[in-house]
Amino acid sequence: MACDTILFDINETVLDLSSLKPRFEKVFKDNSIMPIWFTILLHNSTVCSLTKVNTEFATLAGIALDNIAARRGISLSGEQRTDILSGFASLQPHSDIIPALKTLRSNGYRTVAFSNSSIELVTNQIKNAGLNDYFDRIISVEESGSFKPDAKVYIYGAEKLERPLEDLRLVATHDWDTHGAITTGMKAAYIDRTGVPYNPLFKRPDVFGTDMREIVEQFMAEDAKNNEAL
């Protein structure tokens, strides 16, 4: 079976960040803050990757939160800060995820959680989301000393799985992540959860969908076609 090992980005792709919005709105009185915070977090992680700053994703999450608070002239209490950041560990999966993972595993695919979060955080996220039975492996990029979309992170993931890059496929709802995986030699699949256009400058995956079940159908159709050609 071609690309029988599927790596899943976790935050936003598998887990729904929208449950954090009430926590942000409670403090900032603005329901648009949460996605801005996450964008700053991703920006900071990319800068750290490019400039070789070794840190943790959770640390960057706190820095991004402090940044927004300062811009809004808000002094966060320790309790407010903890309430917002602790919510990151208790996110629930999108409704399409568990059915799709069940289908993949019942058809012989190996599923891997692959996240910028620390191994402690992503392990807790998977556990608290009730997904322990749906992933064969959990891999954090932390030991690589960088973050996605740095090429060495995808190479690190392949080494941990003892598989060549071309035998792996990444599923993500971030075009910078799918672009990074493809550039490094993996295949990729993109879930369009927002309707925001895919960046035309980035390498485009061969599998696109608005729902994980749609993505899985394309995986299985592609593999069936490849098996017929053998």
C-alpha atoms as a PDB file:
ATOM      1  CA  MET A   1       0.000   0.000   0.000  1.00  0.00           C
ATOM      2  CA  ALA A   2       1.468   3.361  -1.031  1.00  0.00           C
ATOM      3  CA  CYS A   3       1.721   6.004   1.721  1.00  0.00           C
ATOM      4  CA  ASP A   4       0.120   3.698   4.288  1.00  0.00           C
ATOM      5  CA  THR A   5       1.492   5.828   7.129  1.00  0.00           C
ATOM      6  CA  ILE A   6      -0.437   9.079   7.613  1.00  0.00           C
ATOM      7  CA  LEU A   7       0.911  11.877   9.803  1.00  0.00           C
ATOM      8  CA  PHE A   8      -1.619  14.321  11.239  1.00  0.00           C
ATOM      9  CA  ASP A   9      -0.982  17.873  12.279  1.00  0.00           C
ATOM     10  CA  ILE A  10      -2.859  18.286  15.555  1.00  0.00           C
ATOM     11  CA  ASN A  11      -3.769  21.874  16.416  1.00  0.00           C
ATOM     12  CA  GLU A  12      -6.619  23.049  14.144  1.00  0.00           C
ATOM     13  CA  THR A  13      -6.323  20.028  11.852  1.00  0.00           C
ATOM     14  CA  VAL A  14      -7.421  17.373  14.364  1.00  0.00           C
ATOM     15  CA  LEU A  15      -8.358  19.483  17.383  1.00  0.00           C
ATOM     16  CA  ASP A  16     -10.839  22.349  17.250  1.00  0.00           C
ATOM     17  CA  LEU A  17      -9.414  25.582  18.679  1.00  0.00           C
ATOM     18  CA  SER A  18     -12.814  27.284  18.778  1.00  0.00           C
ATOM     19  CA  SER A  19     -13.392  26.147  22.366  1.00  0.00           C
ATOM     20  CA  LEU A  20     -10.681  28.602  23.395  1.00  0.00           C
ATOM     21  CA  LYS A  21     -12.642  31.592  22.098  1.00  0.00           C
ATOM     22  CA  PRO A  22     -14.796  32.065  25.232  1.00  0.00           C
ATOM     23  CA  ARG A  23     -11.652  32.121  27.375  1.00  0.00           C
ATOM     24  CA  PHE A  24     -10.143  34.867  25.233  1.00  0.00           C
ATOM     25  CA  GLU A  25     -13.406  36.784  25.004  1.00  0.00           C
ATOM     26  CA  LYS A  26     -13.787  36.715  28.796  1.00  0.00           C
ATOM     27  CA  VAL A  27     -10.486  38.565  29.168  1.00  0.00           C
ATOM     28  CA  PHE A  28     -10.264  40.649  25.997  1.00  0.00           C
ATOM     29  CA  LYS A  29     -13.999  41.292  25.387  1.00  0.00           C
ATOM     30  CA  ASP A  30     -13.360  40.486  21.724  1.00  0.00           C
ATOM     31  CA  ASN A  31     -14.160  37.175  19.986  1.00  0.00           C
ATOM     32  CA  SER A  32     -11.587  37.784  17.234  1.00  0.00           C
ATOM     33  CA  ILE A  33      -8.537  37.570  19.517  1.00  0.00           C
ATOM     34  CA  MET A  34      -8.023  33.805  19.577  1.00  0.00           C
ATOM     35  CA  PRO A  35      -7.115  33.383  15.867  1.00  0.00           C
ATOM     36  CA  ILE A  36      -4.850  36.443  16.084  1.00  0.00           C
ATOM     37  CA  TRP A  37      -3.072  34.850  19.053  1.00  0.00           C
ATOM     38  CA  PHE A  38      -2.595  31.582  17.165  1.00  0.00           C
ATOM     39  CA  THR A  39      -1.259  33.421  14.115  1.00  0.00           C
ATOM     40  CA  ILE A  40       1.317  35.230  16.286  1.00  0.00           C
ATOM     41  CA  LEU A  41       2.248  31.901  17.872  1.00  0.00           C
ATOM     42  CA  LEU A  42       2.886  30.324  14.461  1.00  0.00           C
ATOM     43  CA  HIS A  43       4.810  33.395  13.300  1.00  0.00           C
ATOM     44  CA  ASN A  44       7.064  33.200  16.362  1.00  0.00           C
ATOM     45  CA  SER A  45       7.670  29.474  15.913  1.00  0.00           C
ATOM     46  CA  THR A  46       8.700  30.059  12.287  1.00  0.00           C
ATOM     47  CA  VAL A  47      11.111  32.830  13.289  1.00  0.00           C
ATOM     48  CA  CYS A  48      12.609  30.550  15.935  1.00  0.00           C
ATOM     49  CA  SER A  49      13.054  27.815  13.317  1.00  0.00           C
ATOM     50  CA  LEU A  50      14.817  30.152  10.891  1.00  0.00           C
ATOM     51  CA  THR A  51      17.082  31.706  13.506  1.00  0.00           C
ATOM     52  CA  LYS A  52      17.818  28.509  15.475  1.00  0.00           C
ATOM     53  CA  VAL A  53      16.157  29.588  18.716  1.00  0.00           C
ATOM     54  CA  ASN A  54      15.569  26.441  20.762  1.00  0.00           C
ATOM     55  CA  THR A  55      12.355  26.745  22.764  1.00  0.00           C
ATOM     56  CA  GLU A  56       9.008  25.056  23.370  1.00  0.00           C
ATOM     57  CA  PHE A  57       5.714  25.684  21.629  1.00  0.00           C
ATOM     58  CA  ALA A  58       4.017  26.261  25.009  1.00  0.00           C
ATOM     59  CA  THR A  59       6.553  28.972  25.842  1.00  0.00           C
ATOM     60  CA  LEU A  60       5.815  30.691  22.547  1.00  0.00           C
ATOM     61  CA  ALA A  61       2.078  30.414  23.253  1.00  0.00           C
ATOM     62  CA  GLY A  62       2.578  32.347  26.476  1.00  0.00           C
ATOM     63  CA  ILE A  63       4.734  34.960  24.776  1.00  0.00           C
ATOM     64  CA  ALA A  64       2.095  35.459  22.064  1.00  0.00           C
ATOM     65  CA  LEU A  65      -0.585  35.898  24.723  1.00  0.00           C
ATOM     66  CA  ASP A  66       1.501  38.493  26.581  1.00  0.00           C
ATOM     67  CA  ASN A  67       2.125  40.290  23.294  1.00  0.00           C
ATOM     68  CA  ILE A  68      -1.579  40.658  22.551  1.00  0.00           C
ATOM     69  CA  ALA A  69      -2.355  41.734  26.114  1.00  0.00           C
ATOM     70  CA  ALA A  70       0.296  44.457  25.944  1.00  0.00           C
ATOM     71  CA  ARG A  71      -1.038  45.695  22.595  1.00  0.00           C
ATOM     72  CA  ARG A  72      -4.534  45.913  24.090  1.00  0.00           C
ATOM     73  CA  GLY A  73      -3.336  47.616  27.254  1.00  0.00           C
ATOM     74  CA  ILE A  74      -4.478  44.696  29.409  1.00  0.00           C
ATOM     75  CA  SER A  75      -2.593  43.463  32.448  1.00  0.00           C
ATOM     76  CA  LEU A  76      -3.204  39.742  32.659  1.00  0.00           C
ATOM     77  CA  SER A  77      -3.442  38.164  36.086  1.00  0.00           C
ATOM     78  CA  GLY A  78      -1.726  34.841  36.644  1.00  0.00           C
ATOM     79  CA  GLU A  79      -5.131  33.210  36.911  1.00  0.00           C
ATOM     80  CA  GLN A  80      -6.312  34.662  33.581  1.00  0.00           C
ATOM     81  CA  ARG A  81      -3.116  33.633  31.832  1.00  0.00           C
ATOM     82  CA  THR A  82      -3.296  30.101  33.195  1.00  0.00           C
ATOM     83  CA  ASP A  83      -6.984  29.750  32.323  1.00  0.00           C
ATOM     84  CA  ILE A  84      -6.364  30.614  28.662  1.00  0.00           C
ATOM     85  CA  LEU A  85      -3.192  28.589  28.163  1.00  0.00           C
ATOM     86  CA  SER A  86      -4.428  25.512  30.053  1.00  0.00           C
ATOM     87  CA  GLY A  87      -7.322  25.261  27.608  1.00  0.00           C
ATOM     88  CA  PHE A  88      -4.831  24.233  24.927  1.00  0.00           C
ATOM     89  CA  ALA A  89      -4.535  20.797  26.563  1.00  0.00           C
ATOM     90  CA  SER A  90      -8.278  20.082  26.601  1.00  0.00           C
ATOM     91  CA  LEU A  91      -9.308  20.780  23.010  1.00  0.00           C
ATOM     92  CA  GLN A  92     -11.834  18.411  21.455  1.00  0.00           C
ATOM     93  CA  PRO A  93     -11.549  16.844  17.987  1.00  0.00           C
ATOM     94  CA  HIS A  94     -13.430  18.123  14.959  1.00  0.00           C
ATOM     95  CA  SER A  95     -16.524  15.985  14.324  1.00  0.00           C
ATOM     96  CA  ASP A  96     -15.050  14.418  11.172  1.00  0.00           C
ATOM     97  CA  ILE A  97     -11.871  13.150  12.825  1.00  0.00           C
ATOM     98  CA  ILE A  98     -12.845  10.014  14.752  1.00  0.00           C
ATOM     99  CA  PRO A  99     -14.937   8.494  11.913  1.00  0.00           C
ATOM    100  CA  ALA A 100     -12.083   9.153   9.490  1.00  0.00           C
ATOM    101  CA  LEU A 101      -9.432   7.670  11.783  1.00  0.00           C
ATOM    102  CA  LYS A 102     -11.591   4.590  12.335  1.00  0.00           C
ATOM    103  CA  THR A 103     -11.886   4.084   8.582  1.00  0.00           C
ATOM    104  CA  LEU A 104      -8.162   4.509   8.019  1.00  0.00           C
ATOM    105  CA  ARG A 105      -7.166   2.073  10.743  1.00  0.00           C
ATOM    106  CA  SER A 106      -9.738  -0.535   9.719  1.00  0.00           C
ATOM    107  CA  ASN A 107      -8.266  -0.430   6.222  1.00  0.00           C
ATOM    108  CA  GLY A 108      -4.689  -1.018   7.324  1.00  0.00           C
ATOM    109  CA  TYR A 109      -3.341   2.520   7.528  1.00  0.00           C
ATOM    110  CA  ARG A 110      -0.972   3.577  10.276  1.00  0.00           C
ATOM    111  CA  THR A 111      -1.930   6.889  11.900  1.00  0.00           C
ATOM    112  CA  VAL A 112       0.562   9.211  13.599  1.00  0.00           C
ATOM    113  CA  ALA A 113       0.021  12.407  15.603  1.00  0.00           C
ATOM    114  CA  PHE A 114       2.750  14.840  14.509  1.00  0.00           C
ATOM    115  CA  SER A 115       2.837  18.152  16.343  1.00  0.00           C
ATOM    116  CA  ASN A 116       4.858  21.269  17.138  1.00  0.00           C
ATOM    117  CA  SER A 117       3.639  20.882  20.730  1.00  0.00           C
ATOM    118  CA  SER A 118       5.933  19.267  23.307  1.00  0.00           C
ATOM    119  CA  ILE A 119       5.572  15.527  23.778  1.00  0.00           C
ATOM    120  CA  GLU A 120       3.975  16.137  27.182  1.00  0.00           C
ATOM    121  CA  LEU A 121       1.422  18.571  25.793  1.00  0.00           C
ATOM    122  CA  VAL A 122       0.496  16.638  22.658  1.00  0.00           C
ATOM    123  CA  THR A 123       0.213  13.402  24.670  1.00  0.00           C
ATOM    124  CA  ASN A 124      -2.192  15.130  27.052  1.00  0.00           C
ATOM    125  CA  GLN A 125      -4.094  16.655  24.127  1.00  0.00           C
ATOM    126  CA  ILE A 126      -4.596  13.253  22.509  1.00  0.00           C
ATOM    127  CA  LYS A 127      -5.627  11.684  25.820  1.00  0.00           C
ATOM    128  CA  ASN A 128      -8.031  14.476  26.807  1.00  0.00           C
ATOM    129  CA  ALA A 129      -9.613  14.451  23.345  1.00  0.00           C
ATOM    130  CA  GLY A 130     -10.340  10.723  23.655  1.00  0.00           C
ATOM    131  CA  LEU A 131      -8.066   9.854  20.734  1.00  0.00           C
ATOM    132  CA  ASN A 132      -5.588   7.428  22.325  1.00  0.00           C
ATOM    133  CA  ASP A 133      -7.158   4.472  20.525  1.00  0.00           C
ATOM    134  CA  TYR A 134      -6.967   6.161  17.127  1.00  0.00           C
ATOM    135  CA  PHE A 135      -3.254   6.903  16.812  1.00  0.00           C
ATOM    136  CA  ASP A 136      -0.501   4.313  16.536  1.00  0.00           C
ATOM    137  CA  ARG A 137       2.202   6.802  17.427  1.00  0.00           C
ATOM    138  CA  ILE A 138       2.633  10.310  18.843  1.00  0.00           C
ATOM    139  CA  ILE A 139       5.621  12.331  17.638  1.00  0.00           C
ATOM    140  CA  SER A 140       6.576  15.787  18.874  1.00  0.00           C
ATOM    141  CA  VAL A 141       9.091  17.856  16.941  1.00  0.00           C
ATOM    142  CA  GLU A 142      10.735  19.052  20.169  1.00  0.00           C
ATOM    143  CA  GLU A 143      13.748  16.723  19.950  1.00  0.00           C
ATOM    144  CA  SER A 144      14.535  18.056  16.475  1.00  0.00           C
ATOM    145  CA  GLY A 145      15.212  21.495  17.981  1.00  0.00           C
ATOM    146  CA  SER A 146      12.943  23.225  15.478  1.00  0.00           C
ATOM    147  CA  PHE A 147       9.333  23.545  14.331  1.00  0.00           C
ATOM    148  CA  LYS A 148       7.354  22.810  11.191  1.00  0.00           C
ATOM    149  CA  PRO A 149       7.787  23.804   8.360  1.00  0.00           C
ATOM    150  CA  ASP A 150      11.573  23.443   8.816  1.00  0.00           C
ATOM    151  CA  ALA A 151      12.693  20.577   6.564  1.00  0.00           C
ATOM    152  CA  LYS A 152      14.638  18.899   9.334  1.00  0.00           C
ATOM    153  CA  VAL A 153      11.422  18.423  11.315  1.00  0.00           C
ATOM    154  CA  TYR A 154       9.821  16.263   8.603  1.00  0.00           C
ATOM    155  CA  ILE A 155      13.099  14.379   8.176  1.00  0.00           C
ATOM    156  CA  TYR A 156      13.129  13.818  11.943  1.00  0.00           C
ATOM    157  CA  GLY A 157       9.599  12.400  11.778  1.00  0.00           C
ATOM    158  CA  ALA A 158      10.571  10.004   8.994  1.00  0.00           C
ATOM    159  CA  GLU A 159      13.609   8.848  10.967  1.00  0.00           C
ATOM    160  CA  LYS A 160      11.488   8.207  14.059  1.00  0.00           C
ATOM    161  CA  LEU A 161       9.119   6.095  11.952  1.00  0.00           C
ATOM    162  CA  GLU A 162      12.006   4.407  10.114  1.00  0.00           C
ATOM    163  CA  ARG A 163      10.356   5.107   6.793  1.00  0.00           C
ATOM    164  CA  PRO A 164      11.539   7.066   3.739  1.00  0.00           C
ATOM    165  CA  LEU A 165       9.953  10.469   3.298  1.00  0.00           C
ATOM    166  CA  GLU A 166       8.252   9.477   0.039  1.00  0.00           C
ATOM    167  CA  ASP A 167       6.346   6.705   1.877  1.00  0.00           C
ATOM    168  CA  LEU A 168       4.719   9.195   4.257  1.00  0.00           C
ATOM    169  CA  ARG A 169       1.843  11.623   3.872  1.00  0.00           C
ATOM    170  CA  LEU A 170       1.049  14.632   6.078  1.00  0.00           C
ATOM    171  CA  VAL A 171      -2.518  15.819   6.635  1.00  0.00           C
ATOM    172  CA  ALA A 172      -2.889  19.463   7.691  1.00  0.00           C
ATOM    173  CA  THR A 173      -5.201  22.436   7.485  1.00  0.00           C
ATOM    174  CA  HIS A 174      -2.207  24.785   7.214  1.00  0.00           C
ATOM    175  CA  ASP A 175      -0.866  25.430   3.717  1.00  0.00           C
ATOM    176  CA  TRP A 176       2.583  26.292   5.096  1.00  0.00           C
ATOM    177  CA  ASP A 177       2.696  22.829   6.708  1.00  0.00           C
ATOM    178  CA  THR A 178       1.640  20.873   3.628  1.00  0.00           C
ATOM    179  CA  HIS A 179       4.057  22.999   1.567  1.00  0.00           C
ATOM    180  CA  GLY A 180       6.868  22.197   4.005  1.00  0.00           C
ATOM    181  CA  ALA A 181       6.146  18.480   3.875  1.00  0.00           C
ATOM    182  CA  ILE A 182       6.001  18.377   0.065  1.00  0.00           C
ATOM    183  CA  THR A 183       9.170  20.447  -0.267  1.00  0.00           C
ATOM    184  CA  THR A 184      10.972  17.943   1.941  1.00  0.00           C
ATOM    185  CA  GLY A 185       9.782  14.917  -0.042  1.00  0.00           C
ATOM    186  CA  MET A 186       6.588  13.785   1.687  1.00  0.00           C
ATOM    187  CA  LYS A 187       3.165  13.645   0.131  1.00  0.00           C
ATOM    188  CA  ALA A 188       0.454  15.782   1.706  1.00  0.00           C
ATOM    189  CA  ALA A 189      -3.267  16.323   1.955  1.00  0.00           C
ATOM    190  CA  TYR A 190      -4.949  19.630   2.760  1.00  0.00           C
ATOM    191  CA  ILE A 191      -8.197  20.060   4.711  1.00  0.00           C
ATOM    192  CA  ASP A 192      -9.822  23.376   3.880  1.00  0.00           C
ATOM    193  CA  ARG A 193     -11.569  24.145   7.167  1.00  0.00           C
ATOM    194  CA  THR A 194     -11.770  27.931   6.698  1.00  0.00           C
ATOM    195  CA  GLY A 195     -12.368  28.673   3.014  1.00  0.00           C
ATOM    196  CA  VAL A 196      -9.228  30.817   2.934  1.00  0.00           C
ATOM    197  CA  PRO A 197      -7.507  30.346  -0.466  1.00  0.00           C
ATOM    198  CA  TYR A 198      -4.479  28.056  -0.514  1.00  0.00           C
ATOM    199  CA  ASN A 199      -1.335  30.163  -0.959  1.00  0.00           C
ATOM    200  CA  PRO A 200      -0.631  30.085  -4.731  1.00  0.00           C
ATOM    201  CA  LEU A 201       3.122  30.348  -4.106  1.00  0.00           C
ATOM    202  CA  PHE A 202       3.199  27.127  -2.083  1.00  0.00           C
ATOM    203  CA  LYS A 203       3.493  23.581  -3.402  1.00  0.00           C
ATOM    204  CA  ARG A 204       0.001  22.141  -3.720  1.00  0.00           C
ATOM    205  CA  PRO A 205      -0.936  18.673  -2.407  1.00  0.00           C
ATOM    206  CA  ASP A 206      -2.536  16.142  -4.717  1.00  0.00           C
ATOM    207  CA  VAL A 207      -5.319  15.555  -2.163  1.00  0.00           C
ATOM    208  CA  PHE A 208      -7.695  18.368  -1.178  1.00  0.00           C
ATOM    209  CA  GLY A 209     -10.937  18.280   0.804  1.00  0.00           C
ATOM    210  CA  THR A 210     -13.170  20.238   3.145  1.00  0.00           C
ATOM    211  CA  ASP A 211     -13.725  17.276   5.457  1.00  0.00           C
ATOM    212  CA  MET A 212     -11.443  14.515   6.743  1.00  0.00           C
ATOM    213  CA  ARG A 213     -13.836  11.831   5.512  1.00  0.00           C
ATOM    214  CA  GLU A 214     -13.530  13.271   2.016  1.00  0.00           C
ATOM    215  CA  ILE A 215      -9.741  13.139   2.352  1.00  0.00           C
ATOM    216  CA  VAL A 216      -9.885   9.476   3.419  1.00  0.00           C
ATOM    217  CA  GLU A 217     -12.047   8.577   0.426  1.00  0.00           C
ATOM    218  CA  GLN A 218      -9.407  10.073  -1.861  1.00  0.00           C
ATOM    219  CA  PHE A 219      -6.633   8.139  -0.087  1.00  0.00           C
ATOM    220  CA  MET A 220      -8.445   4.865  -0.568  1.00  0.00           C
ATOM    221  CA  ALA A 221      -9.360   5.589  -4.188  1.00  0.00           C
ATOM    222  CA  GLU A 222      -5.754   6.476  -4.960  1.00  0.00           C
ATOM    223  CA  ASP A 223      -4.413   3.328  -3.310  1.00  0.00           C
ATOM    224  CA  ALA A 224      -6.994   1.153  -5.064  1.00  0.00           C
ATOM    225  CA  LYS A 225      -5.902   2.626  -8.381  1.00  0.00           C
ATOM    226  CA  ASN A 226      -2.233   2.046  -7.563  1.00  0.00           C
ATOM    227  CA  ASN A 227      -2.916  -1.562  -6.541  1.00  0.00           C
ATOM    228  CA  GLU A 228      -4.732  -2.229  -9.819  1.00  0.00           C
ATOM    229  CA  ALA A 229      -1.710  -0.931 -11.718  1.00  0.00           C
ATOM    230  CA  LEU A 230       0.622  -3.421  -9.997  1.00  0.00           C
END
